[in-house]
Amino acid sequence: MSIELKRAYQAAEPGDGYRVLVDRVWPRGISRADAKIDKWLKSAAPSTELRKWFGHDPNKFIEFKQRYKHELSGSKTIQELKDTYKQHKKLTLVYGAKDEKHNNAVVLKQILVG
């Protein structure tokens, strides 16, 4: 069992397992056929307000993680992702951000793996 992270702009591969898009907005310039997304879980994305505040500024990432975890704490999203992970054994969280180290998918993986 594993959870991987992958940018939406990287080619889907058979080894990706079950692919879940965890952004609120569909990645620009990517067709649904090319993305090969199994599930689009908009509720896993940070709120528009939080996303705009963060602006993918690495200096704000620690505060972003705290705020994002707080947003997720009242939702069923984490349990839904855990259930999906248990069912499929291999989960790839797909995101659109350019920064591979400072984005919501990184935080989601940290939550899911404990």
PDB file of N, CA and C in Angstrom:
ATOM      1  N   MET A   1       0.850  -1.183   0.000  1.00  0.00           N
ATOM      2  CA  MET A   1       0.000   0.000   0.000  1.00  0.00           C
ATOM      3  C   MET A   1       0.888   1.236   0.000  1.00  0.00           C
ATOM      4  N   SER A   2       0.504   2.197  -0.825  1.00  0.00           N
ATOM      5  CA  SER A   2       1.284   3.426  -0.841  1.00  0.00           C
ATOM      6  C   SER A   2       0.428   4.596  -1.310  1.00  0.00           C
ATOM      7  N   ILE A   3       0.869   5.771  -0.914  1.00  0.00           N
ATOM      8  CA  ILE A   3       0.248   7.016  -1.350  1.00  0.00           C
ATOM      9  C   ILE A   3       1.330   7.833  -2.033  1.00  0.00           C
ATOM     10  N   GLU A   4       1.081   8.204  -3.263  1.00  0.00           N
ATOM     11  CA  GLU A   4       2.034   8.980  -4.040  1.00  0.00           C
ATOM     12  C   GLU A   4       1.432  10.350  -4.366  1.00  0.00           C
ATOM     13  N   LEU A   5       2.298  11.268  -4.736  1.00  0.00           N
ATOM     14  CA  LEU A   5       1.885  12.600  -5.165  1.00  0.00           C
ATOM     15  C   LEU A   5       2.364  12.804  -6.591  1.00  0.00           C
ATOM     16  N   LYS A   6       1.535  13.469  -7.403  1.00  0.00           N
ATOM     17  CA  LYS A   6       1.910  13.677  -8.793  1.00  0.00           C
ATOM     18  C   LYS A   6       1.231  14.920  -9.338  1.00  0.00           C
ATOM     19  N   ARG A   7       1.994  15.707 -10.052  1.00  0.00           N
ATOM     20  CA  ARG A   7       1.414  16.879 -10.706  1.00  0.00           C
ATOM     21  C   ARG A   7       0.491  16.427 -11.830  1.00  0.00           C
ATOM     22  N   ALA A   8      -0.564  17.162 -12.038  1.00  0.00           N
ATOM     23  CA  ALA A   8      -1.513  16.845 -13.094  1.00  0.00           C
ATOM     24  C   ALA A   8      -0.857  16.922 -14.475  1.00  0.00           C
ATOM     25  N   TYR A   9       0.238  17.655 -14.577  1.00  0.00           N
ATOM     26  CA  TYR A   9       0.921  17.855 -15.848  1.00  0.00           C
ATOM     27  C   TYR A   9       1.929  16.751 -16.153  1.00  0.00           C
ATOM     28  N   GLN A  10       2.085  15.817 -15.239  1.00  0.00           N
ATOM     29  CA  GLN A  10       2.914  14.643 -15.482  1.00  0.00           C
ATOM     30  C   GLN A  10       2.014  13.552 -16.053  1.00  0.00           C
ATOM     31  N   ALA A  11       2.557  12.769 -16.946  1.00  0.00           N
ATOM     32  CA  ALA A  11       1.770  11.711 -17.583  1.00  0.00           C
ATOM     33  C   ALA A  11       1.309  10.677 -16.564  1.00  0.00           C
ATOM     34  N   ALA A  12       0.075  10.254 -16.726  1.00  0.00           N
ATOM     35  CA  ALA A  12      -0.455   9.167 -15.897  1.00  0.00           C
ATOM     36  C   ALA A  12       0.242   7.872 -16.296  1.00  0.00           C
ATOM     37  N   GLU A  13       0.496   7.023 -15.304  1.00  0.00           N
ATOM     38  CA  GLU A  13       1.159   5.752 -15.546  1.00  0.00           C
ATOM     39  C   GLU A  13       0.353   4.635 -14.896  1.00  0.00           C
ATOM     40  N   PRO A  14       0.424   3.441 -15.428  1.00  0.00           N
ATOM     41  CA  PRO A  14      -0.330   2.328 -14.847  1.00  0.00           C
ATOM     42  C   PRO A  14      -0.022   2.112 -13.364  1.00  0.00           C
ATOM     43  N   GLY A  15       1.196   2.383 -12.941  1.00  0.00           N
ATOM     44  CA  GLY A  15       1.591   2.186 -11.555  1.00  0.00           C
ATOM     45  C   GLY A  15       1.050   3.230 -10.596  1.00  0.00           C
ATOM     46  N   ASP A  16       0.338   4.232 -11.121  1.00  0.00           N
ATOM     47  CA  ASP A  16      -0.218   5.278 -10.259  1.00  0.00           C
ATOM     48  C   ASP A  16      -1.333   4.751  -9.362  1.00  0.00           C
ATOM     49  N   GLY A  17      -1.953   3.677  -9.752  1.00  0.00           N
ATOM     50  CA  GLY A  17      -3.093   3.192  -8.988  1.00  0.00           C
ATOM     51  C   GLY A  17      -4.289   4.110  -9.175  1.00  0.00           C
ATOM     52  N   TYR A  18      -5.055   4.302  -8.130  1.00  0.00           N
ATOM     53  CA  TYR A  18      -6.279   5.114  -8.161  1.00  0.00           C
ATOM     54  C   TYR A  18      -5.879   6.585  -8.044  1.00  0.00           C
ATOM     55  N   ARG A  19      -6.230   7.371  -9.050  1.00  0.00           N
ATOM     56  CA  ARG A  19      -5.802   8.774  -9.132  1.00  0.00           C
ATOM     57  C   ARG A  19      -6.922   9.713  -8.681  1.00  0.00           C
ATOM     58  N   VAL A  20      -6.618  10.525  -7.665  1.00  0.00           N
ATOM     59  CA  VAL A  20      -7.595  11.458  -7.105  1.00  0.00           C
ATOM     60  C   VAL A  20      -7.078  12.884  -7.268  1.00  0.00           C
ATOM     61  N   LEU A  21      -7.817  13.694  -7.998  1.00  0.00           N
ATOM     62  CA  LEU A  21      -7.483  15.113  -8.129  1.00  0.00           C
ATOM     63  C   LEU A  21      -7.964  15.816  -6.871  1.00  0.00           C
ATOM     64  N   VAL A  22      -7.043  16.519  -6.185  1.00  0.00           N
ATOM     65  CA  VAL A  22      -7.363  17.134  -4.901  1.00  0.00           C
ATOM     66  C   VAL A  22      -7.338  18.667  -4.983  1.00  0.00           C
ATOM     67  N   ASP A  23      -7.668  19.193  -6.140  1.00  0.00           N
ATOM     68  CA  ASP A  23      -7.764  20.638  -6.352  1.00  0.00           C
ATOM     69  C   ASP A  23      -9.213  21.024  -6.591  1.00  0.00           C
ATOM     70  N   ARG A  24      -9.544  22.255  -6.244  1.00  0.00           N
ATOM     71  CA  ARG A  24     -10.898  22.750  -6.446  1.00  0.00           C
ATOM     72  C   ARG A  24     -11.157  23.115  -7.913  1.00  0.00           C
ATOM     73  N   VAL A  25     -10.079  23.506  -8.601  1.00  0.00           N
ATOM     74  CA  VAL A  25     -10.171  23.944  -9.993  1.00  0.00           C
ATOM     75  C   VAL A  25      -9.445  22.933 -10.873  1.00  0.00           C
ATOM     76  N   TRP A  26     -10.047  22.611 -12.015  1.00  0.00           N
ATOM     77  CA  TRP A  26      -9.424  21.677 -12.947  1.00  0.00           C
ATOM     78  C   TRP A  26      -8.129  22.297 -13.483  1.00  0.00           C
ATOM     79  N   PRO A  27      -7.040  21.520 -13.589  1.00  0.00           N
ATOM     80  CA  PRO A  27      -5.764  22.053 -14.072  1.00  0.00           C
ATOM     81  C   PRO A  27      -5.873  22.610 -15.498  1.00  0.00           C
ATOM     82  N   ARG A  28      -5.378  23.794 -15.658  1.00  0.00           N
ATOM     83  CA  ARG A  28      -5.459  24.502 -16.934  1.00  0.00           C
ATOM     84  C   ARG A  28      -4.684  23.747 -18.019  1.00  0.00           C
ATOM     85  N   GLY A  29      -5.325  23.607 -19.174  1.00  0.00           N
ATOM     86  CA  GLY A  29      -4.664  23.027 -20.335  1.00  0.00           C
ATOM     87  C   GLY A  29      -4.594  21.513 -20.363  1.00  0.00           C
ATOM     88  N   ILE A  30      -5.235  20.853 -19.423  1.00  0.00           N
ATOM     89  CA  ILE A  30      -5.219  19.386 -19.368  1.00  0.00           C
ATOM     90  C   ILE A  30      -6.626  18.872 -19.663  1.00  0.00           C
ATOM     91  N   SER A  31      -6.726  17.990 -20.636  1.00  0.00           N
ATOM     92  CA  SER A  31      -8.043  17.419 -20.935  1.00  0.00           C
ATOM     93  C   SER A  31      -8.362  16.336 -19.903  1.00  0.00           C
ATOM     94  N   ARG A  32      -9.621  16.076 -19.739  1.00  0.00           N
ATOM     95  CA  ARG A  32     -10.022  15.020 -18.802  1.00  0.00           C
ATOM     96  C   ARG A  32      -9.504  13.658 -19.253  1.00  0.00           C
ATOM     97  N   ALA A  33      -9.464  13.439 -20.547  1.00  0.00           N
ATOM     98  CA  ALA A  33      -8.958  12.166 -21.067  1.00  0.00           C
ATOM     99  C   ALA A  33      -7.473  12.000 -20.757  1.00  0.00           C
ATOM    100  N   ASP A  34      -6.697  13.057 -20.930  1.00  0.00           N
ATOM    101  CA  ASP A  34      -5.259  12.986 -20.669  1.00  0.00           C
ATOM    102  C   ASP A  34      -4.946  12.865 -19.172  1.00  0.00           C
ATOM    103  N   ALA A  35      -5.765  13.479 -18.355  1.00  0.00           N
ATOM    104  CA  ALA A  35      -5.507  13.477 -16.911  1.00  0.00           C
ATOM    105  C   ALA A  35      -5.720  12.101 -16.290  1.00  0.00           C
ATOM    106  N   LYS A  36      -6.617  11.324 -16.855  1.00  0.00           N
ATOM    107  CA  LYS A  36      -6.915   9.981 -16.348  1.00  0.00           C
ATOM    108  C   LYS A  36      -7.191   9.984 -14.838  1.00  0.00           C
ATOM    109  N   ILE A  37      -8.069  10.870 -14.443  1.00  0.00           N
ATOM    110  CA  ILE A  37      -8.455  11.007 -13.042  1.00  0.00           C
ATOM    111  C   ILE A  37      -9.593  10.035 -12.745  1.00  0.00           C
ATOM    112  N   ASP A  38      -9.445   9.259 -11.680  1.00  0.00           N
ATOM    113  CA  ASP A  38     -10.503   8.335 -11.275  1.00  0.00           C
ATOM    114  C   ASP A  38     -11.558   9.038 -10.441  1.00  0.00           C
ATOM    115  N   LYS A  39     -11.129  10.052  -9.686  1.00  0.00           N
ATOM    116  CA  LYS A  39     -12.060  10.772  -8.823  1.00  0.00           C
ATOM    117  C   LYS A  39     -11.557  12.197  -8.654  1.00  0.00           C
ATOM    118  N   TRP A  40     -12.487  13.152  -8.738  1.00  0.00           N
ATOM    119  CA  TRP A  40     -12.160  14.551  -8.492  1.00  0.00           C
ATOM    120  C   TRP A  40     -12.796  14.915  -7.157  1.00  0.00           C
ATOM    121  N   LEU A  41     -11.967  15.049  -6.142  1.00  0.00           N
ATOM    122  CA  LEU A  41     -12.453  15.314  -4.789  1.00  0.00           C
ATOM    123  C   LEU A  41     -12.205  16.789  -4.441  1.00  0.00           C
ATOM    124  N   LYS A  42     -13.115  17.628  -4.894  1.00  0.00           N
ATOM    125  CA  LYS A  42     -12.985  19.069  -4.679  1.00  0.00           C
ATOM    126  C   LYS A  42     -12.953  19.426  -3.204  1.00  0.00           C
ATOM    127  N   SER A  43     -13.633  18.634  -2.392  1.00  0.00           N
ATOM    128  CA  SER A  43     -13.682  18.924  -0.954  1.00  0.00           C
ATOM    129  C   SER A  43     -12.320  18.750  -0.277  1.00  0.00           C
ATOM    130  N   ALA A  44     -11.378  18.104  -0.965  1.00  0.00           N
ATOM    131  CA  ALA A  44     -10.037  17.932  -0.408  1.00  0.00           C
ATOM    132  C   ALA A  44      -9.168  19.168  -0.616  1.00  0.00           C
ATOM    133  N   ALA A  45      -9.630  20.089  -1.418  1.00  0.00           N
ATOM    134  CA  ALA A  45      -8.860  21.302  -1.711  1.00  0.00           C
ATOM    135  C   ALA A  45      -9.069  22.350  -0.624  1.00  0.00           C
ATOM    136  N   PRO A  46      -8.074  23.207  -0.426  1.00  0.00           N
ATOM    137  CA  PRO A  46      -8.275  24.313   0.521  1.00  0.00           C
ATOM    138  C   PRO A  46      -9.341  25.266  -0.014  1.00  0.00           C
ATOM    139  N   SER A  47      -9.945  25.997   0.889  1.00  0.00           N
ATOM    140  CA  SER A  47     -10.940  26.984   0.471  1.00  0.00           C
ATOM    141  C   SER A  47     -10.279  28.006  -0.456  1.00  0.00           C
ATOM    142  N   THR A  48     -11.085  28.658  -1.259  1.00  0.00           N
ATOM    143  CA  THR A  48     -10.570  29.688  -2.163  1.00  0.00           C
ATOM    144  C   THR A  48      -9.854  30.775  -1.373  1.00  0.00           C
ATOM    145  N   GLU A  49     -10.432  31.152  -0.259  1.00  0.00           N
ATOM    146  CA  GLU A  49      -9.821  32.184   0.586  1.00  0.00           C
ATOM    147  C   GLU A  49      -8.432  31.762   1.064  1.00  0.00           C
ATOM    148  N   LEU A  50      -8.302  30.539   1.558  1.00  0.00           N
ATOM    149  CA  LEU A  50      -7.016  30.050   2.050  1.00  0.00           C
ATOM    150  C   LEU A  50      -6.013  29.910   0.905  1.00  0.00           C
ATOM    151  N   ARG A  51      -6.474  29.395  -0.212  1.00  0.00           N
ATOM    152  CA  ARG A  51      -5.588  29.218  -1.375  1.00  0.00           C
ATOM    153  C   ARG A  51      -5.028  30.555  -1.844  1.00  0.00           C
ATOM    154  N   LYS A  52      -5.891  31.560  -1.904  1.00  0.00           N
ATOM    155  CA  LYS A  52      -5.432  32.887  -2.340  1.00  0.00           C
ATOM    156  C   LYS A  52      -4.488  33.502  -1.317  1.00  0.00           C
ATOM    157  N   TRP A  53      -4.781  33.329  -0.028  1.00  0.00           N
ATOM    158  CA  TRP A  53      -3.901  33.860   1.007  1.00  0.00           C
ATOM    159  C   TRP A  53      -2.512  33.225   0.893  1.00  0.00           C
ATOM    160  N   PHE A  54      -2.469  31.913   0.728  1.00  0.00           N
ATOM    161  CA  PHE A  54      -1.217  31.179   0.652  1.00  0.00           C
ATOM    162  C   PHE A  54      -0.415  31.585  -0.584  1.00  0.00           C
ATOM    163  N   GLY A  55      -1.068  31.613  -1.730  1.00  0.00           N
ATOM    164  CA  GLY A  55      -0.403  32.004  -2.963  1.00  0.00           C
ATOM    165  C   GLY A  55       0.847  31.193  -3.287  1.00  0.00           C
ATOM    166  N   HIS A  56       0.937  29.989  -2.763  1.00  0.00           N
ATOM    167  CA  HIS A  56       2.087  29.095  -2.964  1.00  0.00           C
ATOM    168  C   HIS A  56       3.402  29.743  -2.550  1.00  0.00           C
ATOM    169  N   ASP A  57       3.336  30.567  -1.514  1.00  0.00           N
ATOM    170  CA  ASP A  57       4.514  31.201  -0.938  1.00  0.00           C
ATOM    171  C   ASP A  57       5.122  30.242   0.082  1.00  0.00           C
ATOM    172  N   PRO A  58       6.306  29.682  -0.189  1.00  0.00           N
ATOM    173  CA  PRO A  58       6.912  28.726   0.738  1.00  0.00           C
ATOM    174  C   PRO A  58       7.071  29.280   2.161  1.00  0.00           C
ATOM    175  N   ASN A  59       7.212  30.584   2.289  1.00  0.00           N
ATOM    176  CA  ASN A  59       7.358  31.194   3.614  1.00  0.00           C
ATOM    177  C   ASN A  59       6.067  31.113   4.433  1.00  0.00           C
ATOM    178  N   LYS A  60       4.943  30.895   3.771  1.00  0.00           N
ATOM    179  CA  LYS A  60       3.653  30.794   4.452  1.00  0.00           C
ATOM    180  C   LYS A  60       3.216  29.343   4.651  1.00  0.00           C
ATOM    181  N   PHE A  61       4.048  28.377   4.238  1.00  0.00           N
ATOM    182  CA  PHE A  61       3.600  26.981   4.208  1.00  0.00           C
ATOM    183  C   PHE A  61       3.255  26.426   5.584  1.00  0.00           C
ATOM    184  N   ILE A  62       4.031  26.742   6.600  1.00  0.00           N
ATOM    185  CA  ILE A  62       3.742  26.216   7.940  1.00  0.00           C
ATOM    186  C   ILE A  62       2.379  26.711   8.419  1.00  0.00           C
ATOM    187  N   GLU A  63       2.110  27.981   8.246  1.00  0.00           N
ATOM    188  CA  GLU A  63       0.811  28.545   8.629  1.00  0.00           C
ATOM    189  C   GLU A  63      -0.303  27.972   7.748  1.00  0.00           C
ATOM    190  N   PHE A  64      -0.007  27.796   6.449  1.00  0.00           N
ATOM    191  CA  PHE A  64      -0.974  27.200   5.529  1.00  0.00           C
ATOM    192  C   PHE A  64      -1.371  25.807   6.007  1.00  0.00           C
ATOM    193  N   LYS A  65      -0.381  24.983   6.390  1.00  0.00           N
ATOM    194  CA  LYS A  65      -0.674  23.625   6.863  1.00  0.00           C
ATOM    195  C   LYS A  65      -1.618  23.648   8.050  1.00  0.00           C
ATOM    196  N   GLN A  66      -1.371  24.532   8.987  1.00  0.00           N
ATOM    197  CA  GLN A  66      -2.216  24.619  10.179  1.00  0.00           C
ATOM    198  C   GLN A  66      -3.644  25.020   9.807  1.00  0.00           C
ATOM    199  N   ARG A  67      -3.765  26.035   8.974  1.00  0.00           N
ATOM    200  CA  ARG A  67      -5.099  26.504   8.565  1.00  0.00           C
ATOM    201  C   ARG A  67      -5.827  25.453   7.739  1.00  0.00           C
ATOM    202  N   TYR A  68      -5.103  24.806   6.861  1.00  0.00           N
ATOM    203  CA  TYR A  68      -5.697  23.785   6.000  1.00  0.00           C
ATOM    204  C   TYR A  68      -6.177  22.590   6.821  1.00  0.00           C
ATOM    205  N   LYS A  69      -5.359  22.138   7.757  1.00  0.00           N
ATOM    206  CA  LYS A  69      -5.771  21.028   8.632  1.00  0.00           C
ATOM    207  C   LYS A  69      -7.006  21.411   9.435  1.00  0.00           C
ATOM    208  N   HIS A  70      -7.066  22.656   9.859  1.00  0.00           N
ATOM    209  CA  HIS A  70      -8.246  23.133  10.591  1.00  0.00           C
ATOM    210  C   HIS A  70      -9.486  23.078   9.693  1.00  0.00           C
ATOM    211  N   GLU A  71      -9.347  23.500   8.443  1.00  0.00           N
ATOM    212  CA  GLU A  71     -10.476  23.428   7.501  1.00  0.00           C
ATOM    213  C   GLU A  71     -10.944  21.990   7.310  1.00  0.00           C
ATOM    214  N   LEU A  72     -10.017  21.080   7.200  1.00  0.00           N
ATOM    215  CA  LEU A  72     -10.356  19.677   6.954  1.00  0.00           C
ATOM    216  C   LEU A  72     -10.939  18.982   8.171  1.00  0.00           C
ATOM    217  N   SER A  73     -10.659  19.515   9.352  1.00  0.00           N
ATOM    218  CA  SER A  73     -11.075  18.839  10.582  1.00  0.00           C
ATOM    219  C   SER A  73     -12.587  18.688  10.700  1.00  0.00           C
ATOM    220  N   GLY A  74     -13.348  19.545  10.090  1.00  0.00           N
ATOM    221  CA  GLY A  74     -14.794  19.445  10.189  1.00  0.00           C
ATOM    222  C   GLY A  74     -15.455  18.747   9.019  1.00  0.00           C
ATOM    223  N   SER A  75     -14.650  18.181   8.120  1.00  0.00           N
ATOM    224  CA  SER A  75     -15.231  17.557   6.925  1.00  0.00           C
ATOM    225  C   SER A  75     -15.064  16.039   6.949  1.00  0.00           C
ATOM    226  N   LYS A  76     -15.742  15.387   6.034  1.00  0.00           N
ATOM    227  CA  LYS A  76     -15.650  13.928   5.900  1.00  0.00           C
ATOM    228  C   LYS A  76     -14.589  13.529   4.877  1.00  0.00           C
ATOM    229  N   THR A  77     -13.877  14.501   4.362  1.00  0.00           N
ATOM    230  CA  THR A  77     -12.931  14.275   3.275  1.00  0.00           C
ATOM    231  C   THR A  77     -11.811  13.317   3.639  1.00  0.00           C
ATOM    232  N   ILE A  78     -11.208  13.489   4.801  1.00  0.00           N
ATOM    233  CA  ILE A  78     -10.090  12.636   5.187  1.00  0.00           C
ATOM    234  C   ILE A  78     -10.541  11.184   5.302  1.00  0.00           C
ATOM    235  N   GLN A  79     -11.700  10.962   5.897  1.00  0.00           N
ATOM    236  CA  GLN A  79     -12.210   9.590   5.998  1.00  0.00           C
ATOM    237  C   GLN A  79     -12.492   9.021   4.614  1.00  0.00           C
ATOM    238  N   GLU A  80     -13.015   9.842   3.724  1.00  0.00           N
ATOM    239  CA  GLU A  80     -13.280   9.384   2.357  1.00  0.00           C
ATOM    240  C   GLU A  80     -11.975   8.974   1.665  1.00  0.00           C
ATOM    241  N   LEU A  81     -10.921   9.761   1.854  1.00  0.00           N
ATOM    242  CA  LEU A  81      -9.624   9.415   1.268  1.00  0.00           C
ATOM    243  C   LEU A  81      -9.049   8.148   1.903  1.00  0.00           C
ATOM    244  N   LYS A  82      -9.194   8.013   3.207  1.00  0.00           N
ATOM    245  CA  LYS A  82      -8.709   6.802   3.890  1.00  0.00           C
ATOM    246  C   LYS A  82      -9.445   5.569   3.378  1.00  0.00           C
ATOM    247  N   ASP A  83     -10.751   5.677   3.218  1.00  0.00           N
ATOM    248  CA  ASP A  83     -11.547   4.554   2.710  1.00  0.00           C
ATOM    249  C   ASP A  83     -11.135   4.198   1.281  1.00  0.00           C
ATOM    250  N   THR A  84     -10.894   5.221   0.466  1.00  0.00           N
ATOM    251  CA  THR A  84     -10.461   5.010  -0.918  1.00  0.00           C
ATOM    252  C   THR A  84      -9.110   4.312  -0.939  1.00  0.00           C
ATOM    253  N   TYR A  85      -8.221   4.744  -0.062  1.00  0.00           N
ATOM    254  CA  TYR A  85      -6.886   4.149   0.051  1.00  0.00           C
ATOM    255  C   TYR A  85      -6.981   2.674   0.436  1.00  0.00           C
ATOM    256  N   LYS A  86      -7.807   2.370   1.417  1.00  0.00           N
ATOM    257  CA  LYS A  86      -7.979   0.973   1.856  1.00  0.00           C
ATOM    258  C   LYS A  86      -8.526   0.110   0.731  1.00  0.00           C
ATOM    259  N   GLN A  87      -9.436   0.670  -0.029  1.00  0.00           N
ATOM    260  CA  GLN A  87     -10.079  -0.084  -1.104  1.00  0.00           C
ATOM    261  C   GLN A  87      -9.123  -0.352  -2.268  1.00  0.00           C
ATOM    262  N   HIS A  88      -8.296   0.623  -2.617  1.00  0.00           N
ATOM    263  CA  HIS A  88      -7.470   0.513  -3.829  1.00  0.00           C
ATOM    264  C   HIS A  88      -6.004   0.178  -3.575  1.00  0.00           C
ATOM    265  N   LYS A  89      -5.550   0.301  -2.349  1.00  0.00           N
ATOM    266  CA  LYS A  89      -4.185  -0.060  -1.934  1.00  0.00           C
ATOM    267  C   LYS A  89      -3.092   0.864  -2.489  1.00  0.00           C
ATOM    268  N   LYS A  90      -3.307   1.448  -3.637  1.00  0.00           N
ATOM    269  CA  LYS A  90      -2.338   2.394  -4.234  1.00  0.00           C
ATOM    270  C   LYS A  90      -3.121   3.639  -4.622  1.00  0.00           C
ATOM    271  N   LEU A  91      -2.726   4.763  -4.029  1.00  0.00           N
ATOM    272  CA  LEU A  91      -3.443   6.021  -4.222  1.00  0.00           C
ATOM    273  C   LEU A  91      -2.455   7.083  -4.678  1.00  0.00           C
ATOM    274  N   THR A  92      -2.814   7.805  -5.727  1.00  0.00           N
ATOM    275  CA  THR A  92      -2.001   8.932  -6.163  1.00  0.00           C
ATOM    276  C   THR A  92      -2.842  10.192  -6.042  1.00  0.00           C
ATOM    277  N   LEU A  93      -2.355  11.117  -5.225  1.00  0.00           N
ATOM    278  CA  LEU A  93      -3.006  12.409  -5.070  1.00  0.00           C
ATOM    279  C   LEU A  93      -2.460  13.328  -6.155  1.00  0.00           C
ATOM    280  N   VAL A  94      -3.336  13.779  -7.015  1.00  0.00           N
ATOM    281  CA  VAL A  94      -2.955  14.591  -8.169  1.00  0.00           C
ATOM    282  C   VAL A  94      -3.280  16.050  -7.866  1.00  0.00           C
ATOM    283  N   TYR A  95      -2.341  16.925  -8.188  1.00  0.00           N
ATOM    284  CA  TYR A  95      -2.490  18.359  -7.911  1.00  0.00           C
ATOM    285  C   TYR A  95      -1.926  19.162  -9.074  1.00  0.00           C
ATOM    286  N   GLY A  96      -2.286  20.432  -9.148  1.00  0.00           N
ATOM    287  CA  GLY A  96      -1.842  21.275 -10.251  1.00  0.00           C
ATOM    288  C   GLY A  96      -0.691  22.208  -9.926  1.00  0.00           C
ATOM    289  N   ALA A  97      -0.382  22.416  -8.664  1.00  0.00           N
ATOM    290  CA  ALA A  97       0.636  23.391  -8.259  1.00  0.00           C
ATOM    291  C   ALA A  97       2.003  23.085  -8.874  1.00  0.00           C
ATOM    292  N   LYS A  98       2.749  24.128  -9.162  1.00  0.00           N
ATOM    293  CA  LYS A  98       4.106  23.972  -9.693  1.00  0.00           C
ATOM    294  C   LYS A  98       5.079  23.513  -8.609  1.00  0.00           C
ATOM    295  N   ASP A  99       4.892  24.011  -7.406  1.00  0.00           N
ATOM    296  CA  ASP A  99       5.787  23.694  -6.292  1.00  0.00           C
ATOM    297  C   ASP A  99       5.436  22.307  -5.750  1.00  0.00           C
ATOM    298  N   GLU A 100       6.356  21.374  -5.885  1.00  0.00           N
ATOM    299  CA  GLU A 100       6.097  19.998  -5.489  1.00  0.00           C
ATOM    300  C   GLU A 100       6.265  19.749  -3.992  1.00  0.00           C
ATOM    301  N   LYS A 101       6.801  20.726  -3.260  1.00  0.00           N
ATOM    302  CA  LYS A 101       7.042  20.553  -1.829  1.00  0.00           C
ATOM    303  C   LYS A 101       6.074  21.349  -0.960  1.00  0.00           C
ATOM    304  N   HIS A 102       5.455  22.361  -1.520  1.00  0.00           N
ATOM    305  CA  HIS A 102       4.595  23.263  -0.742  1.00  0.00           C
ATOM    306  C   HIS A 102       3.224  23.354  -1.399  1.00  0.00           C
ATOM    307  N   ASN A 103       2.380  22.351  -1.167  1.00  0.00           N
ATOM    308  CA  ASN A 103       1.037  22.348  -1.741  1.00  0.00           C
ATOM    309  C   ASN A 103       0.102  21.507  -0.878  1.00  0.00           C
ATOM    310  N   ASN A 104      -1.156  21.571  -1.164  1.00  0.00           N
ATOM    311  CA  ASN A 104      -2.149  20.870  -0.351  1.00  0.00           C
ATOM    312  C   ASN A 104      -2.019  19.346  -0.404  1.00  0.00           C
ATOM    313  N   ALA A 105      -1.566  18.797  -1.521  1.00  0.00           N
ATOM    314  CA  ALA A 105      -1.415  17.341  -1.618  1.00  0.00           C
ATOM    315  C   ALA A 105      -0.358  16.834  -0.632  1.00  0.00           C
ATOM    316  N   VAL A 106       0.693  17.612  -0.414  1.00  0.00           N
ATOM    317  CA  VAL A 106       1.729  17.252   0.557  1.00  0.00           C
ATOM    318  C   VAL A 106       1.119  17.131   1.946  1.00  0.00           C
ATOM    319  N   VAL A 107       0.282  18.099   2.286  1.00  0.00           N
ATOM    320  CA  VAL A 107      -0.378  18.107   3.602  1.00  0.00           C
ATOM    321  C   VAL A 107      -1.329  16.914   3.708  1.00  0.00           C
ATOM    322  N   LEU A 108      -2.109  16.661   2.683  1.00  0.00           N
ATOM    323  CA  LEU A 108      -3.034  15.531   2.700  1.00  0.00           C
ATOM    324  C   LEU A 108      -2.294  14.216   2.914  1.00  0.00           C
ATOM    325  N   LYS A 109      -1.199  14.034   2.226  1.00  0.00           N
ATOM    326  CA  LYS A 109      -0.434  12.789   2.395  1.00  0.00           C
ATOM    327  C   LYS A 109       0.062  12.668   3.839  1.00  0.00           C
ATOM    328  N   GLN A 110       0.561  13.756   4.399  1.00  0.00           N
ATOM    329  CA  GLN A 110       1.039  13.732   5.784  1.00  0.00           C
ATOM    330  C   GLN A 110      -0.092  13.304   6.733  1.00  0.00           C
ATOM    331  N   ILE A 111      -1.285  13.805   6.497  1.00  0.00           N
ATOM    332  CA  ILE A 111      -2.426  13.449   7.341  1.00  0.00           C
ATOM    333  C   ILE A 111      -2.755  11.964   7.166  1.00  0.00           C
ATOM    334  N   LEU A 112      -2.775  11.498   5.939  1.00  0.00           N
ATOM    335  CA  LEU A 112      -3.193  10.127   5.656  1.00  0.00           C
ATOM    336  C   LEU A 112      -2.206   9.074   6.163  1.00  0.00           C
ATOM    337  N   VAL A 113      -0.937   9.368   6.084  1.00  0.00           N
ATOM    338  CA  VAL A 113       0.054   8.373   6.535  1.00  0.00           C
ATOM    339  C   VAL A 113       0.337   8.501   8.028  1.00  0.00           C
ATOM    340  N   GLY A 114      -0.183   9.570   8.640  1.00  0.00           N
ATOM    341  CA  GLY A 114      -0.053   9.739  10.086  1.00  0.00           C
ATOM    342  C   GLY A 114       1.259  10.274  10.422  1.00  0.00           C
TER     343      GLY A 114
END
